Amino acid sequence: MHTMRSPLISFGVLVVASSALLAQSYPPAFPRANATKLLETDQIVVWRMVWPKGQPTAMHRHLHDQVGTYYEPGGRIITSPDGSKREGFTPVGNLSTTRKGTTHIEEGSTDPPLRAVFIELLRDGPSGRAVTGPSLPGSRSAARDGVAPASPGPAALFPREGATQILDDERVTVWDCVWPAGASTGAVRYPRNAVTVWLGAGSVRVSDLGGKAEALPVKPGEIRYVKAGTTESLDVLTGSPRAMVFEFK
């Protein structure tokens, strides 16, 4: 019995080892054609994507969990390793989540093409630290600490009017935001590293606590990275821009 079983066991081990080798032979999702790296930190990598019609990618494997959104609508065909295909049309502002290990071919199916900003999460768990501000005059914490009330301190970045939370998991919170024409946030503090992906056009003015101001034209597909602990205000100068804001835990 043992002499009969050993060759089968060896063959089984060989099959498993060969399957594992084949599974590892797929190239990673990034870098690749039609993907432009916009930002890289020790926590995330941000890519601007386009799927031209009739230009399929290689079969590839995603090495990291990924989240993102689409800033121009369009169609795409996804082909799985077993050859099955699914085709769909994606509107502006859809949330995209892709799990680590996903393997497929992607191909654009419309002209103009689908465009997106995708963010790879480099760690398997939370990798950042929330930053809270000091006790500021006029804040609740200041009152508890016996500081005389004065002008209010920076408000929380979220929640706020015009912002809808669309995802909240162990590593990222995502907000779909619209800034009305002429809106002003007042002073707000970013508790976590955050990426804003603009989905609509306009212009804004960003001011820091020292009064330094910068006017920024915004358009779909542009991003803005803000580090945890930053306090600033944002005023809408033109348009009523929409954006997706990703806060990383």
C-alpha atoms as a PDB file:
ATOM      1  CA  MET A   1       0.000   0.000   0.000  1.00  0.00           C
ATOM      2  CA  HIS A   2       2.745   2.427   0.907  1.00  0.00           C
ATOM      3  CA  THR A   3       4.719   1.706  -2.257  1.00  0.00           C
ATOM      4  CA  MET A   4       1.584   2.350  -4.366  1.00  0.00           C
ATOM      5  CA  ARG A   5       0.706   5.600  -2.579  1.00  0.00           C
ATOM      6  CA  SER A   6       4.134   7.269  -2.678  1.00  0.00           C
ATOM      7  CA  PRO A   7       4.200   7.962  -6.453  1.00  0.00           C
ATOM      8  CA  LEU A   8       0.681   9.410  -6.238  1.00  0.00           C
ATOM      9  CA  ILE A   9       1.670  11.623  -3.331  1.00  0.00           C
ATOM     10  CA  SER A  10       4.769  12.775  -5.203  1.00  0.00           C
ATOM     11  CA  PHE A  11       2.668  13.491  -8.290  1.00  0.00           C
ATOM     12  CA  GLY A  12       0.173  15.439  -6.177  1.00  0.00           C
ATOM     13  CA  VAL A  13       2.938  17.507  -4.608  1.00  0.00           C
ATOM     14  CA  LEU A  14       4.310  18.191  -8.085  1.00  0.00           C
ATOM     15  CA  VAL A  15       0.898  19.339  -9.345  1.00  0.00           C
ATOM     16  CA  VAL A  16       0.422  21.658  -6.356  1.00  0.00           C
ATOM     17  CA  ALA A  17       3.933  23.070  -6.744  1.00  0.00           C
ATOM     18  CA  SER A  18       3.410  23.563 -10.488  1.00  0.00           C
ATOM     19  CA  SER A  19       0.067  25.286  -9.890  1.00  0.00           C
ATOM     20  CA  ALA A  20       1.660  27.599  -7.346  1.00  0.00           C
ATOM     21  CA  LEU A  21       4.446  28.409  -9.800  1.00  0.00           C
ATOM     22  CA  LEU A  22       1.953  29.178 -12.549  1.00  0.00           C
ATOM     23  CA  ALA A  23      -0.105  31.326 -10.189  1.00  0.00           C
ATOM     24  CA  GLN A  24       2.986  33.385  -9.410  1.00  0.00           C
ATOM     25  CA  SER A  25       3.914  33.859 -13.059  1.00  0.00           C
ATOM     26  CA  TYR A  26       1.385  36.624 -13.743  1.00  0.00           C
ATOM     27  CA  PRO A  27       2.899  40.114 -13.917  1.00  0.00           C
ATOM     28  CA  PRO A  28       1.767  42.651 -11.315  1.00  0.00           C
ATOM     29  CA  ALA A  29      -1.022  45.102 -12.105  1.00  0.00           C
ATOM     30  CA  PHE A  30       1.409  48.038 -11.952  1.00  0.00           C
ATOM     31  CA  PRO A  31       3.368  49.559 -13.526  1.00  0.00           C
ATOM     32  CA  ARG A  32       1.812  49.092 -16.963  1.00  0.00           C
ATOM     33  CA  ALA A  33       0.875  50.942 -20.142  1.00  0.00           C
ATOM     34  CA  ASN A  34      -1.843  53.590 -19.766  1.00  0.00           C
ATOM     35  CA  ALA A  35      -1.199  53.920 -16.016  1.00  0.00           C
ATOM     36  CA  THR A  36       0.632  57.013 -14.728  1.00  0.00           C
ATOM     37  CA  LYS A  37       2.028  57.106 -11.197  1.00  0.00           C
ATOM     38  CA  LEU A  38       0.926  60.320  -9.470  1.00  0.00           C
ATOM     39  CA  LEU A  39       2.128  59.743  -5.906  1.00  0.00           C
ATOM     40  CA  GLU A  40       3.956  57.189  -3.770  1.00  0.00           C
ATOM     41  CA  THR A  41       4.373  57.126   0.015  1.00  0.00           C
ATOM     42  CA  ASP A  42       5.146  54.317   2.443  1.00  0.00           C
ATOM     43  CA  GLN A  43       1.359  53.839   2.759  1.00  0.00           C
ATOM     44  CA  ILE A  44      -0.126  54.231  -0.732  1.00  0.00           C
ATOM     45  CA  VAL A  45       0.609  54.457  -4.459  1.00  0.00           C
ATOM     46  CA  VAL A  46      -1.748  56.541  -6.618  1.00  0.00           C
ATOM     47  CA  TRP A  47      -2.237  55.787 -10.334  1.00  0.00           C
ATOM     48  CA  ARG A  48      -4.150  57.682 -13.028  1.00  0.00           C
ATOM     49  CA  MET A  49      -5.713  55.137 -15.383  1.00  0.00           C
ATOM     50  CA  VAL A  50      -7.122  55.074 -18.910  1.00  0.00           C
ATOM     51  CA  TRP A  51      -8.551  52.098 -20.831  1.00  0.00           C
ATOM     52  CA  PRO A  52      -8.286  52.812 -24.606  1.00  0.00           C
ATOM     53  CA  LYS A  53     -10.698  50.825 -26.719  1.00  0.00           C
ATOM     54  CA  GLY A  54      -9.175  47.670 -28.179  1.00  0.00           C
ATOM     55  CA  GLN A  55      -6.008  47.725 -26.055  1.00  0.00           C
ATOM     56  CA  PRO A  56      -6.216  44.810 -23.592  1.00  0.00           C
ATOM     57  CA  THR A  57      -3.749  44.554 -20.756  1.00  0.00           C
ATOM     58  CA  ALA A  58      -1.786  41.408 -20.101  1.00  0.00           C
ATOM     59  CA  MET A  59      -3.325  38.936 -17.673  1.00  0.00           C
ATOM     60  CA  HIS A  60      -2.100  40.414 -14.384  1.00  0.00           C
ATOM     61  CA  ARG A  61      -2.407  39.995 -10.641  1.00  0.00           C
ATOM     62  CA  HIS A  62      -3.065  42.754  -8.083  1.00  0.00           C
ATOM     63  CA  LEU A  63      -0.424  42.529  -5.351  1.00  0.00           C
ATOM     64  CA  HIS A  64      -2.237  44.940  -3.027  1.00  0.00           C
ATOM     65  CA  ASP A  65      -5.784  45.832  -2.107  1.00  0.00           C
ATOM     66  CA  GLN A  66      -6.905  48.816  -4.126  1.00  0.00           C
ATOM     67  CA  VAL A  67      -9.529  51.551  -3.905  1.00  0.00           C
ATOM     68  CA  GLY A  68     -10.379  54.358  -6.313  1.00  0.00           C
ATOM     69  CA  THR A  69     -12.928  56.201  -8.388  1.00  0.00           C
ATOM     70  CA  TYR A  70     -13.714  57.058 -12.016  1.00  0.00           C
ATOM     71  CA  TYR A  71     -13.489  60.622 -13.304  1.00  0.00           C
ATOM     72  CA  GLU A  72     -14.624  60.054 -16.908  1.00  0.00           C
ATOM     73  CA  PRO A  73     -17.329  57.525 -17.886  1.00  0.00           C
ATOM     74  CA  GLY A  74     -16.771  54.615 -20.215  1.00  0.00           C
ATOM     75  CA  GLY A  75     -16.923  50.882 -20.838  1.00  0.00           C
ATOM     76  CA  ARG A  76     -14.569  48.045 -20.004  1.00  0.00           C
ATOM     77  CA  ILE A  77     -14.309  44.290 -20.563  1.00  0.00           C
ATOM     78  CA  ILE A  78     -12.872  42.121 -17.766  1.00  0.00           C
ATOM     79  CA  THR A  79     -11.550  38.658 -18.649  1.00  0.00           C
ATOM     80  CA  SER A  80     -10.902  36.115 -15.863  1.00  0.00           C
ATOM     81  CA  PRO A  81      -8.195  33.414 -15.991  1.00  0.00           C
ATOM     82  CA  ASP A  82     -10.864  30.831 -16.913  1.00  0.00           C
ATOM     83  CA  GLY A  83     -11.730  32.870 -20.029  1.00  0.00           C
ATOM     84  CA  SER A  84     -15.072  34.190 -18.820  1.00  0.00           C
ATOM     85  CA  LYS A  85     -15.818  37.826 -19.687  1.00  0.00           C
ATOM     86  CA  ARG A  86     -17.984  40.547 -18.231  1.00  0.00           C
ATOM     87  CA  GLU A  87     -18.614  43.926 -19.798  1.00  0.00           C
ATOM     88  CA  GLY A  88     -19.983  47.030 -18.158  1.00  0.00           C
ATOM     89  CA  PHE A  89     -20.302  50.785 -18.371  1.00  0.00           C
ATOM     90  CA  THR A  90     -19.063  52.862 -15.421  1.00  0.00           C
ATOM     91  CA  PRO A  91     -20.312  56.399 -14.626  1.00  0.00           C
ATOM     92  CA  VAL A  92     -18.327  59.215 -13.022  1.00  0.00           C
ATOM     93  CA  GLY A  93     -17.981  58.883  -9.255  1.00  0.00           C
ATOM     94  CA  ASN A  94     -18.379  55.116  -8.959  1.00  0.00           C
ATOM     95  CA  LEU A  95     -16.303  53.657  -6.135  1.00  0.00           C
ATOM     96  CA  SER A  96     -13.868  50.889  -7.115  1.00  0.00           C
ATOM     97  CA  THR A  97     -12.470  48.280  -4.722  1.00  0.00           C
ATOM     98  CA  THR A  98     -10.177  45.443  -5.818  1.00  0.00           C
ATOM     99  CA  ARG A  99      -8.904  42.760  -3.480  1.00  0.00           C
ATOM    100  CA  LYS A 100      -5.310  41.636  -3.293  1.00  0.00           C
ATOM    101  CA  GLY A 101      -4.802  38.565  -5.508  1.00  0.00           C
ATOM    102  CA  THR A 102      -7.423  39.524  -8.116  1.00  0.00           C
ATOM    103  CA  THR A 103      -6.237  38.273 -11.515  1.00  0.00           C
ATOM    104  CA  HIS A 104      -7.698  39.397 -14.855  1.00  0.00           C
ATOM    105  CA  ILE A 105      -7.327  41.185 -18.203  1.00  0.00           C
ATOM    106  CA  GLU A 106      -8.816  44.684 -18.597  1.00  0.00           C
ATOM    107  CA  GLU A 107      -9.781  46.207 -21.947  1.00  0.00           C
ATOM    108  CA  GLY A 108     -11.576  49.432 -22.819  1.00  0.00           C
ATOM    109  CA  SER A 109     -14.723  49.088 -24.922  1.00  0.00           C
ATOM    110  CA  THR A 110     -15.764  52.709 -25.587  1.00  0.00           C
ATOM    111  CA  ASP A 111     -14.403  55.820 -27.233  1.00  0.00           C
ATOM    112  CA  PRO A 112     -13.912  58.174 -25.408  1.00  0.00           C
ATOM    113  CA  PRO A 113     -12.378  55.755 -22.927  1.00  0.00           C
ATOM    114  CA  LEU A 114     -13.030  55.101 -19.251  1.00  0.00           C
ATOM    115  CA  ARG A 115     -10.645  56.978 -16.925  1.00  0.00           C
ATOM    116  CA  ALA A 116      -9.984  56.564 -13.196  1.00  0.00           C
ATOM    117  CA  VAL A 117      -7.663  57.207 -10.271  1.00  0.00           C
ATOM    118  CA  PHE A 118      -6.747  54.029  -8.360  1.00  0.00           C
ATOM    119  CA  ILE A 119      -4.931  53.867  -5.016  1.00  0.00           C
ATOM    120  CA  GLU A 120      -2.937  50.811  -3.937  1.00  0.00           C
ATOM    121  CA  LEU A 121      -2.904  50.191  -0.180  1.00  0.00           C
ATOM    122  CA  LEU A 122       0.613  48.950   0.506  1.00  0.00           C
ATOM    123  CA  ARG A 123      -0.033  47.489   3.973  1.00  0.00           C
ATOM    124  CA  ASP A 124      -2.403  44.643   4.857  1.00  0.00           C
ATOM    125  CA  GLY A 125      -3.755  46.507   7.877  1.00  0.00           C
ATOM    126  CA  PRO A 126      -3.988  50.047   9.265  1.00  0.00           C
ATOM    127  CA  SER A 127      -0.689  51.830   8.620  1.00  0.00           C
ATOM    128  CA  GLY A 128      -1.236  55.428   9.675  1.00  0.00           C
ATOM    129  CA  ARG A 129      -1.874  57.301  12.885  1.00  0.00           C
ATOM    130  CA  ALA A 130      -4.672  59.751  13.529  1.00  0.00           C
ATOM    131  CA  VAL A 131      -3.358  63.201  14.448  1.00  0.00           C
ATOM    132  CA  THR A 132      -5.393  65.337  16.788  1.00  0.00           C
ATOM    133  CA  GLY A 133      -4.688  68.969  17.463  1.00  0.00           C
ATOM    134  CA  PRO A 134      -3.721  70.538  20.792  1.00  0.00           C
ATOM    135  CA  SER A 135      -6.343  71.990  23.093  1.00  0.00           C
ATOM    136  CA  LEU A 136      -7.309  75.188  21.336  1.00  0.00           C
ATOM    137  CA  PRO A 137      -8.995  78.162  22.997  1.00  0.00           C
ATOM    138  CA  GLY A 138     -12.742  77.833  22.619  1.00  0.00           C
ATOM    139  CA  SER A 139     -12.703  74.073  22.042  1.00  0.00           C
ATOM    140  CA  ARG A 140     -14.418  71.551  24.286  1.00  0.00           C
ATOM    141  CA  SER A 141     -11.062  69.996  25.225  1.00  0.00           C
ATOM    142  CA  ALA A 142      -9.746  73.453  26.143  1.00  0.00           C
ATOM    143  CA  ALA A 143     -12.726  74.009  28.429  1.00  0.00           C
ATOM    144  CA  ARG A 144     -12.051  70.671  30.117  1.00  0.00           C
ATOM    145  CA  ASP A 145      -8.400  71.690  30.559  1.00  0.00           C
ATOM    146  CA  GLY A 146      -9.400  74.944  32.261  1.00  0.00           C
ATOM    147  CA  VAL A 147      -8.467  77.243  29.350  1.00  0.00           C
ATOM    148  CA  ALA A 148     -10.611  80.333  28.973  1.00  0.00           C
ATOM    149  CA  PRO A 149     -12.973  80.094  25.952  1.00  0.00           C
ATOM    150  CA  ALA A 150     -11.991  82.226  22.970  1.00  0.00           C
ATOM    151  CA  SER A 151     -12.420  81.797  19.220  1.00  0.00           C
ATOM    152  CA  PRO A 152     -13.477  78.302  18.064  1.00  0.00           C
ATOM    153  CA  GLY A 153     -10.717  75.923  16.986  1.00  0.00           C
ATOM    154  CA  PRO A 154     -10.590  74.054  13.656  1.00  0.00           C
ATOM    155  CA  ALA A 155     -13.650  71.963  12.866  1.00  0.00           C
ATOM    156  CA  ALA A 156     -13.504  68.288  11.992  1.00  0.00           C
ATOM    157  CA  LEU A 157     -12.885  67.636   8.295  1.00  0.00           C
ATOM    158  CA  PHE A 158     -15.874  65.267   8.204  1.00  0.00           C
ATOM    159  CA  PRO A 159     -18.775  64.817   8.550  1.00  0.00           C
ATOM    160  CA  ARG A 160     -20.049  68.003   6.942  1.00  0.00           C
ATOM    161  CA  GLU A 161     -22.850  69.261   4.723  1.00  0.00           C
ATOM    162  CA  GLY A 162     -22.393  68.185   1.115  1.00  0.00           C
ATOM    163  CA  ALA A 163     -20.281  65.124   1.994  1.00  0.00           C
ATOM    164  CA  THR A 164     -21.655  61.571   1.910  1.00  0.00           C
ATOM    165  CA  GLN A 165     -19.677  58.685   3.408  1.00  0.00           C
ATOM    166  CA  ILE A 166     -19.632  55.802   0.929  1.00  0.00           C
ATOM    167  CA  LEU A 167     -17.033  53.487   2.497  1.00  0.00           C
ATOM    168  CA  ASP A 168     -15.588  52.962   5.966  1.00  0.00           C
ATOM    169  CA  ASP A 169     -13.438  49.904   6.692  1.00  0.00           C
ATOM    170  CA  GLU A 170     -10.327  49.121   8.714  1.00  0.00           C
ATOM    171  CA  ARG A 171      -7.990  51.058   6.391  1.00  0.00           C
ATOM    172  CA  VAL A 172      -9.855  53.781   4.524  1.00  0.00           C
ATOM    173  CA  THR A 173     -12.875  56.062   4.793  1.00  0.00           C
ATOM    174  CA  VAL A 174     -14.234  57.542   1.549  1.00  0.00           C
ATOM    175  CA  TRP A 175     -16.392  60.649   1.190  1.00  0.00           C
ATOM    176  CA  ASP A 176     -18.246  61.834  -1.937  1.00  0.00           C
ATOM    177  CA  CYS A 177     -18.156  65.639  -1.650  1.00  0.00           C
ATOM    178  CA  VAL A 178     -19.663  68.612  -3.472  1.00  0.00           C
ATOM    179  CA  TRP A 179     -18.611  72.177  -2.676  1.00  0.00           C
ATOM    180  CA  PRO A 180     -21.397  74.645  -3.592  1.00  0.00           C
ATOM    181  CA  ALA A 181     -20.478  77.784  -5.530  1.00  0.00           C
ATOM    182  CA  GLY A 182     -18.914  80.320  -3.172  1.00  0.00           C
ATOM    183  CA  ALA A 183     -18.628  77.840  -0.293  1.00  0.00           C
ATOM    184  CA  SER A 184     -16.020  78.188   2.460  1.00  0.00           C
ATOM    185  CA  THR A 185     -15.045  75.401   4.853  1.00  0.00           C
ATOM    186  CA  GLY A 186     -13.514  77.628   7.504  1.00  0.00           C
ATOM    187  CA  ALA A 187     -10.535  76.137   9.354  1.00  0.00           C
ATOM    188  CA  VAL A 188     -10.603  72.322   9.249  1.00  0.00           C
ATOM    189  CA  ARG A 189      -8.098  69.754  10.508  1.00  0.00           C
ATOM    190  CA  TYR A 190      -7.117  66.585   8.623  1.00  0.00           C
ATOM    191  CA  PRO A 191      -6.849  63.821  11.234  1.00  0.00           C
ATOM    192  CA  ARG A 192      -5.388  61.345   8.716  1.00  0.00           C
ATOM    193  CA  ASN A 193      -3.398  61.322   5.484  1.00  0.00           C
ATOM    194  CA  ALA A 194      -5.890  62.033   2.710  1.00  0.00           C
ATOM    195  CA  VAL A 195      -6.099  62.058  -1.090  1.00  0.00           C
ATOM    196  CA  THR A 196      -8.693  64.198  -2.866  1.00  0.00           C
ATOM    197  CA  VAL A 197      -9.610  63.042  -6.391  1.00  0.00           C
ATOM    198  CA  TRP A 198     -11.386  65.822  -8.266  1.00  0.00           C
ATOM    199  CA  LEU A 199     -14.384  64.758 -10.346  1.00  0.00           C
ATOM    200  CA  GLY A 200     -15.585  68.210 -11.444  1.00  0.00           C
ATOM    201  CA  ALA A 201     -13.967  71.413 -12.672  1.00  0.00           C
ATOM    202  CA  GLY A 202     -13.613  74.753 -10.904  1.00  0.00           C
ATOM    203  CA  SER A 203     -11.071  76.639  -8.840  1.00  0.00           C
ATOM    204  CA  VAL A 204     -10.456  76.859  -5.098  1.00  0.00           C
ATOM    205  CA  ARG A 205      -8.299  78.838  -2.701  1.00  0.00           C
ATOM    206  CA  VAL A 206      -6.504  76.943   0.066  1.00  0.00           C
ATOM    207  CA  SER A 207      -5.236  78.926   3.077  1.00  0.00           C
ATOM    208  CA  ASP A 208      -3.131  77.745   6.005  1.00  0.00           C
ATOM    209  CA  LEU A 209      -3.256  78.994   9.596  1.00  0.00           C
ATOM    210  CA  GLY A 210      -0.528  81.517   8.883  1.00  0.00           C
ATOM    211  CA  GLY A 211      -2.617  83.198   6.206  1.00  0.00           C
ATOM    212  CA  LYS A 212      -0.631  81.874   3.250  1.00  0.00           C
ATOM    213  CA  ALA A 213      -3.102  81.268   0.410  1.00  0.00           C
ATOM    214  CA  GLU A 214      -2.848  79.426  -2.907  1.00  0.00           C
ATOM    215  CA  ALA A 215      -5.370  79.452  -5.748  1.00  0.00           C
ATOM    216  CA  LEU A 216      -5.746  76.027  -7.365  1.00  0.00           C
ATOM    217  CA  PRO A 217      -7.526  75.275 -10.638  1.00  0.00           C
ATOM    218  CA  VAL A 218      -9.118  71.844 -10.346  1.00  0.00           C
ATOM    219  CA  LYS A 219     -10.274  69.465 -13.065  1.00  0.00           C
ATOM    220  CA  PRO A 220     -11.367  65.826 -13.272  1.00  0.00           C
ATOM    221  CA  GLY A 221      -8.533  63.382 -12.652  1.00  0.00           C
ATOM    222  CA  GLU A 222      -6.341  65.778 -10.663  1.00  0.00           C
ATOM    223  CA  ILE A 223      -5.420  64.800  -7.096  1.00  0.00           C
ATOM    224  CA  ARG A 224      -4.328  66.557  -3.926  1.00  0.00           C
ATOM    225  CA  TYR A 225      -2.492  64.851  -1.053  1.00  0.00           C
ATOM    226  CA  VAL A 226      -2.732  66.307   2.455  1.00  0.00           C
ATOM    227  CA  LYS A 227      -0.790  64.952   5.432  1.00  0.00           C
ATOM    228  CA  ALA A 228      -2.392  64.101   8.765  1.00  0.00           C
ATOM    229  CA  GLY A 229      -2.374  67.040  11.155  1.00  0.00           C
ATOM    230  CA  THR A 230      -2.736  69.717   8.465  1.00  0.00           C
ATOM    231  CA  THR A 231      -5.123  72.560   9.293  1.00  0.00           C
ATOM    232  CA  GLU A 232      -6.385  74.759   6.457  1.00  0.00           C
ATOM    233  CA  SER A 233      -9.441  76.389   4.942  1.00  0.00           C
ATOM    234  CA  LEU A 234     -10.827  75.990   1.437  1.00  0.00           C
ATOM    235  CA  ASP A 235     -12.854  78.591  -0.467  1.00  0.00           C
ATOM    236  CA  VAL A 236     -14.561  77.877  -3.784  1.00  0.00           C
ATOM    237  CA  LEU A 237     -13.666  80.576  -6.325  1.00  0.00           C
ATOM    238  CA  THR A 238     -15.394  79.239  -9.442  1.00  0.00           C
ATOM    239  CA  GLY A 239     -17.729  76.377 -10.227  1.00  0.00           C
ATOM    240  CA  SER A 240     -19.185  73.836  -7.823  1.00  0.00           C
ATOM    241  CA  PRO A 241     -16.527  71.111  -7.883  1.00  0.00           C
ATOM    242  CA  ARG A 242     -17.138  67.521  -6.851  1.00  0.00           C
ATOM    243  CA  ALA A 243     -14.466  65.252  -5.425  1.00  0.00           C
ATOM    244  CA  MET A 244     -13.885  61.914  -3.742  1.00  0.00           C
ATOM    245  CA  VAL A 245     -11.830  62.189  -0.562  1.00  0.00           C
ATOM    246  CA  PHE A 246      -9.954  59.109   0.715  1.00  0.00           C
ATOM    247  CA  GLU A 247      -8.804  59.151   4.358  1.00  0.00           C
ATOM    248  CA  PHE A 248      -6.234  56.440   5.190  1.00  0.00           C
ATOM    249  CA  LYS A 249      -6.177  54.764   8.600  1.00  0.00           C
END
